[in-house]
Amino acid sequence: MSVIIWRKHYETGINILDEEHKQLLNLINLVYSAIRDKKGPSVIAAVLTDLERYTVDHFQHEEKLLEKYGYPDFQAHLQKHKAFINELKDKKAKMDSDQDELAKELLRFMREWLVNHIMVMDKNYGPFLEARVGRFVD
């Protein structure tokens, strides 16, 4: 059972970036399942590694598009990405602490990112990019 299912209201309108955002939902659901099944500690390192890889790939892709097409809030968006990366580093530094608590903290962090960043900031660039290059930009 998933804690979050992809819904239309998560969409930015830019297909490739929405597909990448679905990867984050998969990671959120993985952490949720691990906590529910009391396996948080056994998957936390793998999820952190996958999340780190996701942020590098996705943020670079998103930032490249926003900069290329002159998105007016690019710098603010970039700062939010940097804050996410710093928070992720903090979580990774806690690997030797209470793994159950770290798993719960990671789940909260990822869900907040979905709600506060993807559904607010990312949705703002959707119409901007779509008007310039369409939904199928890569």
N, C-alpha and C. Protein backbone atom coordinates (compact mmCIF):
# COMPACT_ATOMS: atom_id res chain seq x y z
N MET A 1 0.84 -1.19 0.00
CA MET A 1 0.00 0.00 0.00
C MET A 1 0.88 1.24 0.00
N SER A 2 0.55 2.19 -0.83
CA SER A 2 1.31 3.43 -0.94
C SER A 2 0.70 4.49 -0.05
N VAL A 3 1.54 5.33 0.50
CA VAL A 3 1.06 6.44 1.30
C VAL A 3 0.67 7.59 0.37
N ILE A 4 1.35 7.69 -0.76
CA ILE A 4 1.05 8.74 -1.73
C ILE A 4 0.93 8.10 -3.11
N ILE A 5 -0.15 8.43 -3.78
CA ILE A 5 -0.37 7.97 -5.14
C ILE A 5 -0.32 9.21 -6.05
N TRP A 6 0.35 9.09 -7.18
CA TRP A 6 0.46 10.22 -8.10
C TRP A 6 -0.94 10.64 -8.55
N ARG A 7 -1.20 11.91 -8.42
CA ARG A 7 -2.48 12.47 -8.84
C ARG A 7 -2.23 13.66 -9.77
N LYS A 8 -3.22 13.96 -10.54
CA LYS A 8 -3.10 15.04 -11.52
C LYS A 8 -2.69 16.37 -10.88
N HIS A 9 -3.15 16.64 -9.66
CA HIS A 9 -2.84 17.93 -9.05
C HIS A 9 -1.36 18.06 -8.65
N TYR A 10 -0.58 16.99 -8.77
CA TYR A 10 0.87 17.08 -8.55
C TYR A 10 1.59 17.56 -9.81
N GLU A 11 0.94 17.48 -10.95
CA GLU A 11 1.59 17.76 -12.23
C GLU A 11 1.98 19.23 -12.38
N THR A 12 3.17 19.42 -12.96
CA THR A 12 3.64 20.76 -13.29
C THR A 12 3.19 21.14 -14.70
N GLY A 13 2.89 20.13 -15.51
CA GLY A 13 2.54 20.37 -16.90
C GLY A 13 3.71 20.09 -17.84
N ILE A 14 4.86 19.80 -17.27
CA ILE A 14 6.04 19.47 -18.06
C ILE A 14 6.29 17.98 -17.88
N ASN A 15 5.98 17.21 -18.90
CA ASN A 15 5.94 15.75 -18.78
C ASN A 15 7.21 15.12 -18.21
N ILE A 16 8.37 15.47 -18.72
CA ILE A 16 9.60 14.83 -18.27
C ILE A 16 9.87 15.12 -16.80
N LEU A 17 9.58 16.34 -16.36
CA LEU A 17 9.81 16.68 -14.95
C LEU A 17 8.77 16.00 -14.05
N ASP A 18 7.56 15.86 -14.54
CA ASP A 18 6.55 15.12 -13.78
C ASP A 18 6.95 13.66 -13.62
N GLU A 19 7.51 13.08 -14.67
CA GLU A 19 8.00 11.69 -14.58
C GLU A 19 9.11 11.59 -13.53
N GLU A 20 9.97 12.56 -13.49
CA GLU A 20 11.03 12.56 -12.49
C GLU A 20 10.46 12.73 -11.09
N HIS A 21 9.44 13.56 -10.95
CA HIS A 21 8.81 13.74 -9.63
C HIS A 21 8.17 12.44 -9.14
N LYS A 22 7.70 11.62 -10.06
CA LYS A 22 7.12 10.33 -9.67
C LYS A 22 8.17 9.45 -8.99
N GLN A 23 9.42 9.61 -9.34
CA GLN A 23 10.49 8.86 -8.70
C GLN A 23 10.58 9.22 -7.22
N LEU A 24 10.38 10.51 -6.91
CA LEU A 24 10.38 10.93 -5.51
C LEU A 24 9.21 10.29 -4.76
N LEU A 25 8.05 10.23 -5.38
CA LEU A 25 6.91 9.57 -4.74
C LEU A 25 7.22 8.10 -4.46
N ASN A 26 7.89 7.45 -5.38
CA ASN A 26 8.27 6.05 -5.16
C ASN A 26 9.18 5.92 -3.95
N LEU A 27 10.11 6.85 -3.79
CA LEU A 27 11.01 6.81 -2.63
C LEU A 27 10.25 7.09 -1.34
N ILE A 28 9.33 8.02 -1.39
CA ILE A 28 8.50 8.31 -0.20
C ILE A 28 7.74 7.05 0.20
N ASN A 29 7.14 6.39 -0.77
CA ASN A 29 6.38 5.17 -0.49
C ASN A 29 7.27 4.05 0.03
N LEU A 30 8.49 3.98 -0.44
CA LEU A 30 9.44 2.98 0.04
C LEU A 30 9.77 3.21 1.51
N VAL A 31 10.02 4.47 1.88
CA VAL A 31 10.30 4.79 3.29
C VAL A 31 9.08 4.49 4.14
N TYR A 32 7.90 4.89 3.67
CA TYR A 32 6.67 4.63 4.41
C TYR A 32 6.48 3.13 4.66
N SER A 33 6.65 2.33 3.62
CA SER A 33 6.49 0.88 3.76
C SER A 33 7.51 0.29 4.72
N ALA A 34 8.73 0.79 4.66
CA ALA A 34 9.77 0.30 5.56
C ALA A 34 9.43 0.62 7.02
N ILE A 35 8.90 1.81 7.26
CA ILE A 35 8.51 2.17 8.63
C ILE A 35 7.33 1.31 9.07
N ARG A 36 6.34 1.20 8.21
CA ARG A 36 5.14 0.41 8.54
C ARG A 36 5.49 -1.04 8.86
N ASP A 37 6.42 -1.60 8.07
CA ASP A 37 6.81 -3.00 8.25
C ASP A 37 7.96 -3.18 9.23
N LYS A 38 8.31 -2.09 9.90
CA LYS A 38 9.39 -2.10 10.90
C LYS A 38 10.73 -2.55 10.29
N LYS A 39 10.98 -2.07 9.07
CA LYS A 39 12.23 -2.36 8.37
C LYS A 39 12.96 -1.08 8.00
N GLY A 40 12.60 0.00 8.66
CA GLY A 40 13.21 1.29 8.35
C GLY A 40 14.73 1.27 8.33
N PRO A 41 15.35 0.74 9.39
CA PRO A 41 16.82 0.74 9.43
C PRO A 41 17.47 -0.02 8.28
N SER A 42 16.82 -1.06 7.79
CA SER A 42 17.45 -1.87 6.75
C SER A 42 17.40 -1.20 5.37
N VAL A 43 16.52 -0.24 5.18
CA VAL A 43 16.42 0.40 3.87
C VAL A 43 16.88 1.86 3.86
N ILE A 44 17.12 2.42 5.02
CA ILE A 44 17.39 3.86 5.10
C ILE A 44 18.64 4.26 4.31
N ALA A 45 19.71 3.49 4.40
CA ALA A 45 20.95 3.84 3.67
C ALA A 45 20.71 3.80 2.17
N ALA A 46 20.00 2.80 1.70
CA ALA A 46 19.72 2.68 0.26
C ALA A 46 18.83 3.83 -0.21
N VAL A 47 17.84 4.19 0.57
CA VAL A 47 16.95 5.28 0.19
C VAL A 47 17.73 6.59 0.16
N LEU A 48 18.57 6.82 1.14
CA LEU A 48 19.37 8.04 1.14
C LEU A 48 20.27 8.12 -0.09
N THR A 49 20.86 7.00 -0.46
CA THR A 49 21.70 6.95 -1.66
C THR A 49 20.87 7.24 -2.90
N ASP A 50 19.71 6.61 -3.01
CA ASP A 50 18.82 6.84 -4.16
C ASP A 50 18.32 8.28 -4.18
N LEU A 51 17.99 8.81 -3.03
CA LEU A 51 17.50 10.19 -2.95
C LEU A 51 18.60 11.17 -3.35
N GLU A 52 19.81 10.89 -2.94
CA GLU A 52 20.94 11.74 -3.31
C GLU A 52 21.14 11.72 -4.84
N ARG A 53 21.09 10.55 -5.41
CA ARG A 53 21.22 10.42 -6.88
C ARG A 53 20.08 11.14 -7.58
N TYR A 54 18.87 10.96 -7.07
CA TYR A 54 17.70 11.62 -7.64
C TYR A 54 17.87 13.14 -7.62
N THR A 55 18.30 13.69 -6.49
CA THR A 55 18.41 15.14 -6.39
C THR A 55 19.45 15.68 -7.37
N VAL A 56 20.57 15.00 -7.49
CA VAL A 56 21.59 15.45 -8.43
C VAL A 56 21.03 15.47 -9.85
N ASP A 57 20.48 14.36 -10.28
CA ASP A 57 19.98 14.25 -11.65
C ASP A 57 18.79 15.18 -11.91
N HIS A 58 17.81 15.13 -11.04
CA HIS A 58 16.59 15.91 -11.25
C HIS A 58 16.86 17.40 -11.13
N PHE A 59 17.56 17.81 -10.09
CA PHE A 59 17.81 19.24 -9.90
C PHE A 59 18.62 19.81 -11.06
N GLN A 60 19.62 19.08 -11.53
CA GLN A 60 20.41 19.56 -12.67
C GLN A 60 19.51 19.73 -13.89
N HIS A 61 18.67 18.76 -14.14
CA HIS A 61 17.77 18.81 -15.30
C HIS A 61 16.82 20.00 -15.19
N GLU A 62 16.18 20.12 -14.04
CA GLU A 62 15.22 21.19 -13.83
C GLU A 62 15.89 22.56 -13.92
N GLU A 63 17.03 22.70 -13.26
CA GLU A 63 17.75 23.98 -13.26
C GLU A 63 18.21 24.36 -14.67
N LYS A 64 18.65 23.38 -15.42
CA LYS A 64 19.10 23.64 -16.79
C LYS A 64 17.94 24.21 -17.62
N LEU A 65 16.77 23.61 -17.50
CA LEU A 65 15.61 24.10 -18.25
C LEU A 65 15.18 25.49 -17.79
N LEU A 66 15.14 25.70 -16.49
CA LEU A 66 14.70 27.00 -15.97
C LEU A 66 15.66 28.11 -16.38
N GLU A 67 16.94 27.82 -16.32
CA GLU A 67 17.94 28.83 -16.71
C GLU A 67 17.90 29.07 -18.22
N LYS A 68 17.84 28.00 -18.99
CA LYS A 68 17.85 28.11 -20.45
C LYS A 68 16.70 28.97 -20.97
N TYR A 69 15.53 28.84 -20.36
CA TYR A 69 14.37 29.57 -20.84
C TYR A 69 14.06 30.82 -20.04
N GLY A 70 14.98 31.22 -19.17
CA GLY A 70 14.87 32.50 -18.47
C GLY A 70 13.77 32.59 -17.44
N TYR A 71 13.57 31.51 -16.71
CA TYR A 71 12.53 31.53 -15.67
C TYR A 71 12.83 32.64 -14.66
N PRO A 72 11.88 33.55 -14.44
CA PRO A 72 12.16 34.72 -13.60
C PRO A 72 12.49 34.41 -12.13
N ASP A 73 12.01 33.30 -11.60
CA ASP A 73 12.28 32.95 -10.20
C ASP A 73 13.39 31.90 -10.09
N PHE A 74 14.24 31.86 -11.09
CA PHE A 74 15.29 30.84 -11.14
C PHE A 74 16.17 30.85 -9.88
N GLN A 75 16.65 32.01 -9.47
CA GLN A 75 17.56 32.08 -8.32
C GLN A 75 16.89 31.59 -7.04
N ALA A 76 15.65 31.96 -6.82
CA ALA A 76 14.93 31.49 -5.63
C ALA A 76 14.76 29.98 -5.68
N HIS A 77 14.48 29.48 -6.87
CA HIS A 77 14.31 28.04 -7.04
C HIS A 77 15.63 27.32 -6.75
N LEU A 78 16.69 27.85 -7.27
CA LEU A 78 18.03 27.29 -7.05
C LEU A 78 18.37 27.24 -5.55
N GLN A 79 18.02 28.29 -4.83
CA GLN A 79 18.29 28.34 -3.39
C GLN A 79 17.51 27.26 -2.64
N LYS A 80 16.29 27.00 -3.07
CA LYS A 80 15.49 25.93 -2.44
C LYS A 80 16.13 24.57 -2.69
N HIS A 81 16.65 24.37 -3.89
CA HIS A 81 17.34 23.11 -4.19
C HIS A 81 18.58 22.96 -3.31
N LYS A 82 19.32 24.03 -3.15
CA LYS A 82 20.52 23.97 -2.30
C LYS A 82 20.15 23.65 -0.85
N ALA A 83 19.05 24.22 -0.38
CA ALA A 83 18.59 23.94 0.99
C ALA A 83 18.21 22.47 1.14
N PHE A 84 17.57 21.91 0.12
CA PHE A 84 17.20 20.50 0.15
C PHE A 84 18.45 19.64 0.23
N ILE A 85 19.44 19.95 -0.59
CA ILE A 85 20.69 19.18 -0.60
C ILE A 85 21.39 19.26 0.75
N ASN A 86 21.40 20.44 1.36
CA ASN A 86 22.01 20.59 2.68
C ASN A 86 21.26 19.77 3.73
N GLU A 87 19.95 19.77 3.65
CA GLU A 87 19.15 18.98 4.61
C GLU A 87 19.40 17.49 4.40
N LEU A 88 19.53 17.10 3.17
CA LEU A 88 19.82 15.70 2.87
C LEU A 88 21.18 15.29 3.43
N LYS A 89 22.15 16.18 3.33
CA LYS A 89 23.48 15.91 3.91
C LYS A 89 23.37 15.75 5.43
N ASP A 90 22.54 16.58 6.05
CA ASP A 90 22.33 16.46 7.50
C ASP A 90 21.73 15.11 7.86
N LYS A 91 20.77 14.67 7.06
CA LYS A 91 20.14 13.36 7.32
C LYS A 91 21.18 12.25 7.15
N LYS A 92 22.00 12.35 6.14
CA LYS A 92 23.02 11.33 5.89
C LYS A 92 24.04 11.29 7.04
N ALA A 93 24.33 12.44 7.61
CA ALA A 93 25.27 12.52 8.73
C ALA A 93 24.71 11.84 9.98
N LYS A 94 23.41 11.64 10.03
CA LYS A 94 22.76 11.01 11.19
C LYS A 94 22.67 9.50 11.06
N MET A 95 23.33 8.93 10.08
CA MET A 95 23.24 7.49 9.83
C MET A 95 23.60 6.64 11.06
N ASP A 96 24.42 7.16 11.92
CA ASP A 96 24.82 6.39 13.11
C ASP A 96 23.87 6.59 14.28
N SER A 97 22.85 7.41 14.09
CA SER A 97 21.91 7.67 15.19
C SER A 97 20.76 6.67 15.13
N ASP A 98 19.71 6.94 15.85
CA ASP A 98 18.52 6.09 15.91
C ASP A 98 17.91 5.95 14.51
N GLN A 99 18.04 4.78 13.93
CA GLN A 99 17.58 4.55 12.55
C GLN A 99 16.06 4.63 12.40
N ASP A 100 15.33 4.19 13.39
CA ASP A 100 13.87 4.29 13.31
C ASP A 100 13.44 5.75 13.28
N GLU A 101 14.04 6.54 14.13
CA GLU A 101 13.70 7.97 14.16
C GLU A 101 14.16 8.66 12.88
N LEU A 102 15.33 8.29 12.38
CA LEU A 102 15.83 8.87 11.13
C LEU A 102 14.89 8.54 9.96
N ALA A 103 14.37 7.33 9.93
CA ALA A 103 13.43 6.94 8.86
C ALA A 103 12.18 7.81 8.93
N LYS A 104 11.65 8.04 10.12
CA LYS A 104 10.46 8.88 10.28
C LYS A 104 10.76 10.33 9.89
N GLU A 105 11.93 10.80 10.29
CA GLU A 105 12.35 12.16 9.96
C GLU A 105 12.50 12.32 8.44
N LEU A 106 13.07 11.31 7.80
CA LEU A 106 13.25 11.34 6.35
C LEU A 106 11.90 11.35 5.64
N LEU A 107 10.97 10.56 6.12
CA LEU A 107 9.64 10.53 5.53
C LEU A 107 8.97 11.90 5.63
N ARG A 108 9.04 12.51 6.80
CA ARG A 108 8.44 13.85 6.98
C ARG A 108 9.09 14.86 6.03
N PHE A 109 10.40 14.82 5.95
CA PHE A 109 11.16 15.73 5.10
C PHE A 109 10.75 15.59 3.63
N MET A 110 10.66 14.36 3.16
CA MET A 110 10.32 14.12 1.76
C MET A 110 8.87 14.52 1.46
N ARG A 111 7.97 14.25 2.38
CA ARG A 111 6.57 14.63 2.17
C ARG A 111 6.41 16.14 2.17
N GLU A 112 7.14 16.82 3.07
CA GLU A 112 7.10 18.29 3.10
C GLU A 112 7.62 18.86 1.78
N TRP A 113 8.66 18.23 1.23
CA TRP A 113 9.21 18.69 -0.04
C TRP A 113 8.16 18.54 -1.15
N LEU A 114 7.45 17.45 -1.14
CA LEU A 114 6.40 17.24 -2.14
C LEU A 114 5.35 18.34 -2.03
N VAL A 115 4.88 18.59 -0.84
CA VAL A 115 3.81 19.56 -0.64
C VAL A 115 4.29 21.00 -0.83
N ASN A 116 5.42 21.34 -0.23
CA ASN A 116 5.86 22.73 -0.21
C ASN A 116 6.70 23.14 -1.42
N HIS A 117 7.34 22.20 -2.06
CA HIS A 117 8.17 22.59 -3.20
C HIS A 117 7.51 22.18 -4.52
N ILE A 118 7.26 20.92 -4.70
CA ILE A 118 6.72 20.47 -5.98
C ILE A 118 5.35 21.06 -6.24
N MET A 119 4.48 21.02 -5.24
CA MET A 119 3.11 21.48 -5.45
C MET A 119 2.97 23.00 -5.41
N VAL A 120 4.02 23.72 -5.04
CA VAL A 120 3.95 25.18 -5.03
C VAL A 120 4.96 25.74 -6.03
N MET A 121 6.24 25.64 -5.70
CA MET A 121 7.26 26.25 -6.56
C MET A 121 7.33 25.62 -7.94
N ASP A 122 7.35 24.29 -8.00
CA ASP A 122 7.47 23.64 -9.30
C ASP A 122 6.23 23.87 -10.17
N LYS A 123 5.08 23.89 -9.54
CA LYS A 123 3.86 24.15 -10.32
C LYS A 123 3.89 25.55 -10.93
N ASN A 124 4.62 26.46 -10.31
CA ASN A 124 4.72 27.82 -10.86
C ASN A 124 5.50 27.86 -12.16
N TYR A 125 6.52 27.02 -12.31
CA TYR A 125 7.28 27.07 -13.56
C TYR A 125 6.57 26.33 -14.69
N GLY A 126 5.63 25.47 -14.37
CA GLY A 126 4.94 24.70 -15.41
C GLY A 126 4.34 25.56 -16.52
N PRO A 127 3.46 26.50 -16.18
CA PRO A 127 2.88 27.34 -17.23
C PRO A 127 3.92 28.18 -17.97
N PHE A 128 4.95 28.61 -17.26
CA PHE A 128 6.01 29.40 -17.88
C PHE A 128 6.72 28.59 -18.96
N LEU A 129 7.17 27.39 -18.60
CA LEU A 129 7.88 26.55 -19.58
C LEU A 129 6.95 26.09 -20.69
N GLU A 130 5.75 25.71 -20.32
CA GLU A 130 4.81 25.21 -21.34
C GLU A 130 4.52 26.28 -22.38
N ALA A 131 4.41 27.54 -21.96
CA ALA A 131 4.14 28.62 -22.90
C ALA A 131 5.31 28.85 -23.84
N ARG A 132 6.53 28.53 -23.40
CA ARG A 132 7.71 28.76 -24.22
C ARG A 132 8.09 27.58 -25.09
N VAL A 133 7.99 26.37 -24.53
CA VAL A 133 8.50 25.19 -25.26
C VAL A 133 7.53 24.02 -25.29
N GLY A 134 6.42 24.10 -24.61
CA GLY A 134 5.44 23.01 -24.61
C GLY A 134 5.69 21.99 -23.53
N ARG A 135 4.75 21.06 -23.39
CA ARG A 135 4.78 20.04 -22.34
C ARG A 135 5.88 19.01 -22.55
N PHE A 136 6.35 18.88 -23.78
CA PHE A 136 7.24 17.78 -24.11
C PHE A 136 8.71 18.19 -24.24
N VAL A 137 9.07 19.27 -23.57
CA VAL A 137 10.47 19.69 -23.55
C VAL A 137 11.30 18.59 -22.90
N ASP A 138 12.52 18.48 -23.32
CA ASP A 138 13.39 17.48 -22.65
C ASP A 138 14.64 18.18 -22.21
